[in-house]
N, C-alpha and C. Protein backbone atom coordinates (compact mmCIF):
# COMPACT_ATOMS: atom_id res chain seq x y z
N MET A 1 -8.86 -22.77 15.47
CA MET A 1 -7.93 -22.15 16.39
C MET A 1 -8.58 -22.04 17.77
N GLY A 2 -7.77 -22.24 18.78
CA GLY A 2 -8.28 -22.14 20.14
C GLY A 2 -8.46 -20.70 20.57
N LYS A 3 -9.28 -20.54 21.59
CA LYS A 3 -9.55 -19.19 22.10
C LYS A 3 -8.29 -18.53 22.64
N SER A 4 -7.42 -19.31 23.25
CA SER A 4 -6.20 -18.71 23.80
C SER A 4 -5.30 -18.18 22.69
N PHE A 5 -5.26 -18.86 21.54
CA PHE A 5 -4.45 -18.38 20.42
C PHE A 5 -5.04 -17.10 19.84
N ILE A 6 -6.36 -17.03 19.77
CA ILE A 6 -7.03 -15.81 19.26
C ILE A 6 -6.74 -14.65 20.21
N ARG A 7 -6.81 -14.89 21.53
CA ARG A 7 -6.47 -13.84 22.50
C ARG A 7 -5.01 -13.41 22.33
N PHE A 8 -4.15 -14.38 22.07
CA PHE A 8 -2.73 -14.09 21.83
C PHE A 8 -2.57 -13.15 20.64
N LEU A 9 -3.27 -13.45 19.54
CA LEU A 9 -3.19 -12.60 18.35
C LEU A 9 -3.79 -11.23 18.60
N LYS A 10 -4.88 -11.16 19.38
CA LYS A 10 -5.48 -9.87 19.70
C LYS A 10 -4.51 -9.00 20.49
N GLY A 11 -3.65 -9.64 21.28
CA GLY A 11 -2.64 -8.88 22.02
C GLY A 11 -1.73 -8.10 21.09
N PHE A 12 -1.38 -8.71 19.95
CA PHE A 12 -0.57 -7.99 18.96
C PHE A 12 -1.36 -6.82 18.37
N LYS A 13 -2.62 -7.03 18.12
CA LYS A 13 -3.47 -5.96 17.58
C LYS A 13 -3.46 -4.76 18.53
N TYR A 14 -3.64 -5.02 19.82
CA TYR A 14 -3.66 -3.93 20.79
C TYR A 14 -2.29 -3.26 20.91
N ALA A 15 -1.24 -4.06 20.85
CA ALA A 15 0.11 -3.49 20.91
C ALA A 15 0.37 -2.56 19.73
N PHE A 16 -0.04 -2.99 18.53
CA PHE A 16 0.15 -2.12 17.36
C PHE A 16 -0.71 -0.88 17.45
N LYS A 17 -1.90 -0.99 18.03
CA LYS A 17 -2.73 0.20 18.25
C LYS A 17 -1.99 1.20 19.13
N GLY A 18 -1.33 0.69 20.16
CA GLY A 18 -0.56 1.56 21.05
C GLY A 18 0.60 2.22 20.34
N ILE A 19 1.28 1.46 19.50
CA ILE A 19 2.40 2.02 18.73
C ILE A 19 1.91 3.14 17.81
N PHE A 20 0.83 2.87 17.08
CA PHE A 20 0.31 3.88 16.16
C PHE A 20 -0.23 5.10 16.91
N TYR A 21 -0.85 4.87 18.07
CA TYR A 21 -1.32 5.99 18.88
C TYR A 21 -0.15 6.90 19.26
N ALA A 22 0.93 6.29 19.76
CA ALA A 22 2.09 7.08 20.17
C ALA A 22 2.70 7.83 18.98
N LEU A 23 2.80 7.16 17.83
CA LEU A 23 3.38 7.83 16.66
C LEU A 23 2.49 8.97 16.16
N HIS A 24 1.19 8.83 16.30
CA HIS A 24 0.28 9.88 15.84
C HIS A 24 0.19 11.05 16.81
N THR A 25 0.39 10.80 18.10
CA THR A 25 0.12 11.85 19.07
C THR A 25 1.36 12.42 19.76
N GLN A 26 2.47 11.73 19.69
CA GLN A 26 3.65 12.16 20.45
C GLN A 26 4.76 12.63 19.52
N ARG A 27 5.00 13.92 19.54
CA ARG A 27 6.02 14.52 18.67
C ARG A 27 7.40 13.91 18.94
N ASN A 28 7.75 13.74 20.21
CA ASN A 28 9.07 13.19 20.53
C ASN A 28 9.21 11.76 20.02
N MET A 29 8.13 11.00 20.03
CA MET A 29 8.18 9.63 19.50
C MET A 29 8.47 9.68 18.00
N ARG A 30 7.83 10.59 17.30
CA ARG A 30 8.09 10.73 15.86
C ARG A 30 9.52 11.17 15.61
N PHE A 31 10.04 12.06 16.45
CA PHE A 31 11.42 12.51 16.32
C PHE A 31 12.39 11.35 16.50
N HIS A 32 12.24 10.61 17.59
CA HIS A 32 13.13 9.48 17.86
C HIS A 32 13.04 8.44 16.75
N ALA A 33 11.82 8.12 16.33
CA ALA A 33 11.63 7.11 15.27
C ALA A 33 12.28 7.56 13.96
N SER A 34 12.16 8.83 13.64
CA SER A 34 12.76 9.36 12.41
C SER A 34 14.28 9.28 12.44
N ILE A 35 14.86 9.74 13.52
CA ILE A 35 16.32 9.72 13.65
C ILE A 35 16.84 8.29 13.54
N MET A 36 16.17 7.38 14.23
CA MET A 36 16.59 5.98 14.21
C MET A 36 16.42 5.36 12.83
N ALA A 37 15.35 5.70 12.15
CA ALA A 37 15.13 5.17 10.81
C ALA A 37 16.25 5.61 9.86
N PHE A 38 16.64 6.89 9.93
CA PHE A 38 17.73 7.37 9.09
C PHE A 38 19.05 6.68 9.45
N MET A 39 19.32 6.54 10.74
CA MET A 39 20.57 5.91 11.15
C MET A 39 20.63 4.48 10.61
N PHE A 40 19.56 3.71 10.82
CA PHE A 40 19.58 2.32 10.36
C PHE A 40 19.57 2.24 8.83
N PHE A 41 18.93 3.20 8.17
CA PHE A 41 18.97 3.23 6.70
C PHE A 41 20.42 3.35 6.22
N PHE A 42 21.15 4.31 6.78
CA PHE A 42 22.54 4.52 6.35
C PHE A 42 23.43 3.34 6.72
N LEU A 43 23.16 2.73 7.86
CA LEU A 43 23.98 1.58 8.26
C LEU A 43 23.72 0.35 7.38
N LEU A 44 22.47 0.16 6.97
CA LEU A 44 22.12 -1.04 6.21
C LEU A 44 22.24 -0.85 4.69
N ARG A 45 22.03 0.37 4.21
CA ARG A 45 22.01 0.62 2.77
C ARG A 45 23.42 0.77 2.19
N TYR A 46 24.29 1.39 2.94
CA TYR A 46 25.63 1.69 2.44
C TYR A 46 26.67 1.03 3.34
N ASP A 47 27.91 1.03 2.88
CA ASP A 47 28.98 0.48 3.70
C ASP A 47 29.98 1.57 4.11
N PHE A 48 29.46 2.76 4.36
CA PHE A 48 30.32 3.86 4.77
C PHE A 48 30.94 3.59 6.14
N PHE A 49 30.13 3.10 7.06
CA PHE A 49 30.56 2.92 8.44
C PHE A 49 31.07 1.50 8.65
N GLU A 50 32.17 1.40 9.34
CA GLU A 50 32.72 0.09 9.70
C GLU A 50 32.30 -0.22 11.13
N ILE A 51 31.23 -1.02 11.24
CA ILE A 51 30.79 -1.41 12.58
C ILE A 51 30.60 -2.93 12.61
N SER A 52 30.87 -3.49 13.75
CA SER A 52 30.74 -4.93 13.92
C SER A 52 29.28 -5.28 14.20
N ARG A 53 29.00 -6.56 14.17
CA ARG A 53 27.65 -7.03 14.52
C ARG A 53 27.33 -6.67 15.96
N THR A 54 28.31 -6.75 16.81
CA THR A 54 28.10 -6.41 18.22
C THR A 54 27.78 -4.92 18.36
N GLN A 55 28.50 -4.08 17.65
CA GLN A 55 28.22 -2.64 17.70
C GLN A 55 26.82 -2.35 17.15
N PHE A 56 26.45 -3.04 16.08
CA PHE A 56 25.11 -2.86 15.53
C PHE A 56 24.06 -3.28 16.55
N ALA A 57 24.31 -4.38 17.24
CA ALA A 57 23.37 -4.85 18.27
C ALA A 57 23.27 -3.85 19.41
N VAL A 58 24.39 -3.25 19.80
CA VAL A 58 24.38 -2.24 20.86
C VAL A 58 23.55 -1.03 20.42
N LEU A 59 23.73 -0.60 19.17
CA LEU A 59 22.92 0.51 18.65
C LEU A 59 21.43 0.16 18.65
N ALA A 60 21.10 -1.04 18.19
CA ALA A 60 19.70 -1.46 18.14
C ALA A 60 19.11 -1.53 19.54
N LEU A 61 19.84 -2.09 20.47
CA LEU A 61 19.36 -2.20 21.85
C LEU A 61 19.18 -0.82 22.47
N THR A 62 20.13 0.06 22.25
CA THR A 62 20.04 1.41 22.78
C THR A 62 18.82 2.14 22.22
N CYS A 63 18.60 1.99 20.93
CA CYS A 63 17.43 2.61 20.30
C CYS A 63 16.14 2.01 20.85
N GLY A 64 16.14 0.71 21.05
CA GLY A 64 14.97 0.05 21.61
C GLY A 64 14.65 0.56 23.01
N ILE A 65 15.67 0.82 23.79
CA ILE A 65 15.46 1.36 25.14
C ILE A 65 14.84 2.74 25.07
N VAL A 66 15.34 3.59 24.18
CA VAL A 66 14.78 4.95 24.04
C VAL A 66 13.30 4.87 23.66
N LEU A 67 12.99 4.06 22.65
CA LEU A 67 11.59 3.95 22.22
C LEU A 67 10.71 3.36 23.32
N THR A 68 11.22 2.36 24.02
CA THR A 68 10.45 1.75 25.10
C THR A 68 10.14 2.77 26.19
N LEU A 69 11.13 3.55 26.58
CA LEU A 69 10.90 4.57 27.60
C LEU A 69 9.95 5.65 27.08
N GLU A 70 10.01 5.95 25.80
CA GLU A 70 9.07 6.91 25.22
C GLU A 70 7.64 6.38 25.30
N PHE A 71 7.46 5.08 25.05
CA PHE A 71 6.13 4.47 25.20
C PHE A 71 5.66 4.55 26.65
N PHE A 72 6.54 4.24 27.60
CA PHE A 72 6.17 4.33 29.02
C PHE A 72 5.82 5.77 29.39
N ASN A 73 6.59 6.71 28.89
CA ASN A 73 6.30 8.12 29.16
C ASN A 73 4.92 8.50 28.63
N SER A 74 4.61 8.08 27.41
CA SER A 74 3.29 8.38 26.85
C SER A 74 2.19 7.76 27.70
N SER A 75 2.40 6.53 28.14
CA SER A 75 1.41 5.85 28.98
C SER A 75 1.21 6.59 30.29
N ILE A 76 2.31 6.99 30.90
CA ILE A 76 2.22 7.70 32.18
C ILE A 76 1.47 9.02 32.00
N GLU A 77 1.77 9.74 30.92
CA GLU A 77 1.08 11.01 30.66
C GLU A 77 -0.42 10.81 30.53
N VAL A 78 -0.84 9.77 29.80
CA VAL A 78 -2.27 9.52 29.60
C VAL A 78 -2.93 9.16 30.93
N VAL A 79 -2.31 8.30 31.70
CA VAL A 79 -2.90 7.88 32.98
C VAL A 79 -2.97 9.07 33.94
N VAL A 80 -1.91 9.85 34.02
CA VAL A 80 -1.91 11.00 34.92
C VAL A 80 -2.99 11.99 34.50
N ASP A 81 -3.12 12.25 33.20
CA ASP A 81 -4.16 13.17 32.73
C ASP A 81 -5.56 12.62 33.03
N MET A 82 -5.70 11.31 32.99
CA MET A 82 -7.00 10.70 33.25
C MET A 82 -7.38 10.83 34.73
N VAL A 83 -6.44 10.55 35.62
CA VAL A 83 -6.78 10.58 37.05
C VAL A 83 -6.66 11.97 37.66
N SER A 84 -5.98 12.86 37.00
CA SER A 84 -5.81 14.22 37.53
C SER A 84 -5.94 15.23 36.40
N PRO A 85 -7.18 15.45 35.90
CA PRO A 85 -7.34 16.36 34.76
C PRO A 85 -6.98 17.82 35.09
N GLU A 86 -7.14 18.21 36.35
CA GLU A 86 -6.75 19.57 36.74
C GLU A 86 -5.30 19.53 37.22
N TYR A 87 -4.70 20.72 37.32
CA TYR A 87 -3.29 20.77 37.71
C TYR A 87 -3.10 20.17 39.09
N ASN A 88 -2.05 19.36 39.19
CA ASN A 88 -1.67 18.76 40.46
C ASN A 88 -0.15 18.68 40.45
N ARG A 89 0.46 19.21 41.49
CA ARG A 89 1.92 19.26 41.56
C ARG A 89 2.53 17.86 41.45
N LEU A 90 1.95 16.89 42.14
CA LEU A 90 2.49 15.53 42.10
C LEU A 90 2.30 14.90 40.72
N ALA A 91 1.19 15.20 40.08
CA ALA A 91 0.98 14.69 38.71
C ALA A 91 2.05 15.26 37.79
N GLY A 92 2.36 16.54 37.97
CA GLY A 92 3.41 17.17 37.16
C GLY A 92 4.77 16.53 37.40
N ILE A 93 5.05 16.20 38.65
CA ILE A 93 6.32 15.55 38.97
C ILE A 93 6.40 14.18 38.29
N ALA A 94 5.30 13.42 38.32
CA ALA A 94 5.29 12.10 37.67
C ALA A 94 5.56 12.23 36.18
N LYS A 95 4.90 13.20 35.55
CA LYS A 95 5.10 13.38 34.11
C LYS A 95 6.51 13.88 33.79
N ASP A 96 7.00 14.82 34.59
CA ASP A 96 8.34 15.35 34.35
C ASP A 96 9.41 14.28 34.57
N THR A 97 9.23 13.45 35.57
CA THR A 97 10.20 12.40 35.85
C THR A 97 10.22 11.37 34.72
N ALA A 98 9.05 11.01 34.21
CA ALA A 98 9.00 10.07 33.08
C ALA A 98 9.67 10.68 31.85
N ALA A 99 9.42 11.96 31.62
CA ALA A 99 10.07 12.64 30.49
C ALA A 99 11.59 12.70 30.70
N GLY A 100 12.00 12.89 31.94
CA GLY A 100 13.43 12.90 32.24
C GLY A 100 14.10 11.56 31.95
N ALA A 101 13.38 10.47 32.22
CA ALA A 101 13.92 9.14 31.92
C ALA A 101 14.16 8.99 30.42
N VAL A 102 13.22 9.49 29.62
CA VAL A 102 13.40 9.43 28.17
C VAL A 102 14.60 10.26 27.75
N LEU A 103 14.70 11.45 28.30
CA LEU A 103 15.81 12.33 27.96
C LEU A 103 17.16 11.69 28.31
N MET A 104 17.25 11.10 29.49
CA MET A 104 18.50 10.45 29.89
C MET A 104 18.85 9.30 28.94
N SER A 105 17.85 8.52 28.55
CA SER A 105 18.15 7.41 27.63
C SER A 105 18.54 7.94 26.25
N ALA A 106 17.92 9.03 25.83
CA ALA A 106 18.25 9.62 24.53
C ALA A 106 19.68 10.17 24.54
N ILE A 107 20.07 10.80 25.64
CA ILE A 107 21.45 11.30 25.75
C ILE A 107 22.43 10.13 25.71
N ALA A 108 22.11 9.07 26.44
CA ALA A 108 22.98 7.88 26.42
C ALA A 108 23.06 7.30 25.01
N ALA A 109 21.93 7.27 24.30
CA ALA A 109 21.91 6.74 22.93
C ALA A 109 22.79 7.58 22.00
N VAL A 110 22.74 8.90 22.17
CA VAL A 110 23.59 9.78 21.35
C VAL A 110 25.06 9.51 21.65
N VAL A 111 25.40 9.35 22.92
CA VAL A 111 26.79 9.07 23.29
C VAL A 111 27.23 7.75 22.68
N VAL A 112 26.40 6.71 22.81
CA VAL A 112 26.73 5.40 22.22
C VAL A 112 26.88 5.54 20.70
N GLY A 113 25.95 6.26 20.08
CA GLY A 113 26.02 6.46 18.63
C GLY A 113 27.29 7.18 18.21
N LEU A 114 27.68 8.20 18.96
CA LEU A 114 28.91 8.93 18.63
C LEU A 114 30.14 8.05 18.80
N ILE A 115 30.17 7.27 19.88
CA ILE A 115 31.31 6.39 20.11
C ILE A 115 31.47 5.40 18.95
N ILE A 116 30.35 4.86 18.49
CA ILE A 116 30.40 3.84 17.45
C ILE A 116 30.53 4.44 16.05
N MET A 117 29.81 5.53 15.80
CA MET A 117 29.69 6.01 14.42
C MET A 117 30.52 7.25 14.10
N LEU A 118 31.22 7.80 15.05
CA LEU A 118 32.04 8.98 14.77
C LEU A 118 33.30 8.52 14.05
N GLN A 119 33.15 8.38 12.73
CA GLN A 119 34.22 7.88 11.86
C GLN A 119 34.40 8.87 10.71
N PRO A 120 35.36 9.78 10.85
CA PRO A 120 35.55 10.81 9.82
C PRO A 120 35.69 10.23 8.41
N ALA A 121 36.35 9.10 8.27
CA ALA A 121 36.52 8.50 6.94
C ALA A 121 35.17 8.11 6.35
N ALA A 122 34.26 7.66 7.19
CA ALA A 122 32.93 7.27 6.71
C ALA A 122 32.17 8.50 6.19
N PHE A 123 32.27 9.60 6.90
CA PHE A 123 31.58 10.80 6.46
C PHE A 123 32.21 11.37 5.19
N SER A 124 33.52 11.24 5.05
CA SER A 124 34.19 11.66 3.81
C SER A 124 33.72 10.80 2.63
N ALA A 125 33.64 9.49 2.85
CA ALA A 125 33.17 8.57 1.80
C ALA A 125 31.72 8.89 1.43
N MET A 126 30.92 9.22 2.43
CA MET A 126 29.53 9.57 2.16
C MET A 126 29.46 10.83 1.31
N GLY A 127 30.27 11.82 1.63
CA GLY A 127 30.30 13.06 0.85
C GLY A 127 30.71 12.81 -0.59
N ARG A 128 31.73 11.99 -0.79
CA ARG A 128 32.18 11.67 -2.15
C ARG A 128 31.09 10.91 -2.91
N PHE A 129 30.44 9.99 -2.23
CA PHE A 129 29.39 9.21 -2.88
C PHE A 129 28.25 10.11 -3.36
N TYR A 130 27.76 10.96 -2.46
CA TYR A 130 26.63 11.80 -2.84
C TYR A 130 27.01 12.88 -3.85
N ALA A 131 28.27 13.24 -3.91
CA ALA A 131 28.72 14.21 -4.91
C ALA A 131 28.58 13.64 -6.32
N THR A 132 28.66 12.32 -6.43
CA THR A 132 28.55 11.68 -7.75
C THR A 132 27.21 10.97 -7.97
N HIS A 133 26.36 10.95 -6.96
CA HIS A 133 25.04 10.30 -7.05
C HIS A 133 23.97 11.31 -6.63
N ILE A 134 23.80 12.32 -7.46
CA ILE A 134 22.91 13.43 -7.13
C ILE A 134 21.47 12.97 -6.94
N GLY A 135 21.03 11.98 -7.72
CA GLY A 135 19.67 11.47 -7.58
C GLY A 135 19.42 10.90 -6.19
N GLU A 136 20.38 10.12 -5.69
CA GLU A 136 20.23 9.55 -4.34
C GLU A 136 20.30 10.65 -3.29
N LEU A 137 21.15 11.64 -3.52
CA LEU A 137 21.24 12.77 -2.59
C LEU A 137 19.90 13.49 -2.51
N CYS A 138 19.28 13.72 -3.66
CA CYS A 138 17.97 14.39 -3.69
C CYS A 138 16.91 13.56 -2.97
N ALA A 139 16.97 12.25 -3.13
CA ALA A 139 16.01 11.37 -2.46
C ALA A 139 16.20 11.44 -0.94
N VAL A 140 17.44 11.45 -0.48
CA VAL A 140 17.70 11.53 0.96
C VAL A 140 17.24 12.89 1.49
N ILE A 141 17.52 13.95 0.77
CA ILE A 141 17.09 15.29 1.20
C ILE A 141 15.57 15.35 1.26
N ALA A 142 14.91 14.80 0.26
CA ALA A 142 13.44 14.77 0.26
C ALA A 142 12.91 13.98 1.46
N ALA A 143 13.54 12.85 1.77
CA ALA A 143 13.12 12.05 2.91
C ALA A 143 13.32 12.82 4.22
N ILE A 144 14.41 13.56 4.31
CA ILE A 144 14.66 14.36 5.52
C ILE A 144 13.60 15.45 5.66
N ILE A 145 13.26 16.11 4.56
CA ILE A 145 12.24 17.15 4.60
C ILE A 145 10.89 16.55 5.01
N LEU A 146 10.53 15.40 4.44
CA LEU A 146 9.28 14.74 4.82
C LEU A 146 9.27 14.35 6.30
N ALA A 147 10.41 13.88 6.79
CA ALA A 147 10.50 13.52 8.22
C ALA A 147 10.32 14.75 9.10
N ILE A 148 10.93 15.86 8.71
CA ILE A 148 10.79 17.10 9.48
C ILE A 148 9.33 17.54 9.51
N VAL A 149 8.68 17.48 8.36
CA VAL A 149 7.26 17.85 8.30
C VAL A 149 6.43 16.91 9.18
N TRP A 150 6.71 15.60 9.11
CA TRP A 150 5.97 14.61 9.91
C TRP A 150 6.16 14.86 11.41
N VAL A 151 7.39 15.20 11.80
CA VAL A 151 7.67 15.42 13.22
C VAL A 151 7.07 16.73 13.71
N LEU A 152 7.30 17.80 12.97
CA LEU A 152 6.92 19.13 13.45
C LEU A 152 5.50 19.54 13.12
N PHE A 153 4.97 19.03 12.03
CA PHE A 153 3.66 19.48 11.57
C PHE A 153 2.73 18.29 11.29
N PRO A 154 2.32 17.57 12.33
CA PRO A 154 1.42 16.43 12.08
C PRO A 154 0.08 16.96 11.58
N ARG A 155 -0.68 16.07 10.97
CA ARG A 155 -2.00 16.49 10.52
C ARG A 155 -2.76 17.02 11.72
N LYS A 156 -3.54 18.07 11.51
CA LYS A 156 -4.19 18.77 12.61
C LYS A 156 -5.05 17.85 13.48
N ASN A 157 -5.71 16.91 12.88
CA ASN A 157 -6.65 16.09 13.63
C ASN A 157 -6.05 14.80 14.16
N ASP A 158 -4.76 14.54 13.92
CA ASP A 158 -4.17 13.27 14.36
C ASP A 158 -4.32 13.06 15.86
N LYS A 159 -3.93 14.06 16.65
CA LYS A 159 -3.96 13.90 18.10
C LYS A 159 -5.41 13.80 18.58
N LYS A 160 -6.28 14.65 18.05
CA LYS A 160 -7.69 14.64 18.46
C LYS A 160 -8.33 13.31 18.08
N ASN A 161 -8.12 12.86 16.84
CA ASN A 161 -8.72 11.60 16.39
C ASN A 161 -8.18 10.41 17.18
N ALA A 162 -6.89 10.40 17.45
CA ALA A 162 -6.30 9.30 18.22
C ALA A 162 -6.86 9.28 19.63
N LYS A 163 -7.04 10.46 20.25
CA LYS A 163 -7.59 10.53 21.60
C LYS A 163 -9.03 10.05 21.61
N GLU A 164 -9.84 10.52 20.64
CA GLU A 164 -11.23 10.09 20.57
C GLU A 164 -11.34 8.59 20.34
N LYS A 165 -10.49 8.05 19.48
CA LYS A 165 -10.52 6.61 19.21
C LYS A 165 -10.13 5.83 20.45
N LYS A 166 -9.11 6.30 21.17
CA LYS A 166 -8.67 5.63 22.40
C LYS A 166 -9.79 5.70 23.45
N ASP A 167 -10.47 6.86 23.57
CA ASP A 167 -11.57 7.00 24.52
C ASP A 167 -12.70 6.04 24.18
N LYS A 168 -13.00 5.93 22.89
CA LYS A 168 -14.06 5.03 22.44
C LYS A 168 -13.70 3.57 22.72
N ASP A 169 -12.44 3.23 22.50
CA ASP A 169 -11.99 1.84 22.72
C ASP A 169 -12.04 1.46 24.19
N THR A 170 -11.85 2.43 25.10
CA THR A 170 -11.85 2.10 26.52
C THR A 170 -13.25 2.01 27.09
N LYS A 171 -14.25 2.47 26.37
CA LYS A 171 -15.66 2.41 26.87
C LYS A 171 -16.25 1.05 26.65
């Protein structure tokens, strides 16, 4: 293999490191990822919702935008903290503005999701299904509880270990 191909593959390695860093250290990233995972699970696993391929693509694109902006927000926060470790009004504005961009995209994603997925018949069908499939209902409830724990109560050392690893990698 040529050196350029190896560098190309290393780029994926670094990209995945960034993804895992954000998932380990950013609560909002875990929240967005969890919500999206459940939405796509219900859309792909069951046929409760009647959505077209185009609507599915719009949902996927909208979710991708939210996650992408969340990654940019995380990057901006790290860079701002690095160059301005003490309080700085302009640093705060940069971080707040980046967070605002994520919030705006998340609101837009919710609106798009409601427009596409607000189907009372689908929710009625889901209720009837789970009323007769208690095992699957219990599995979904367990998954929701695990997601809540993952989002709200990450392992104590996740953020510290991820920061130390990132610091070590940049040296």
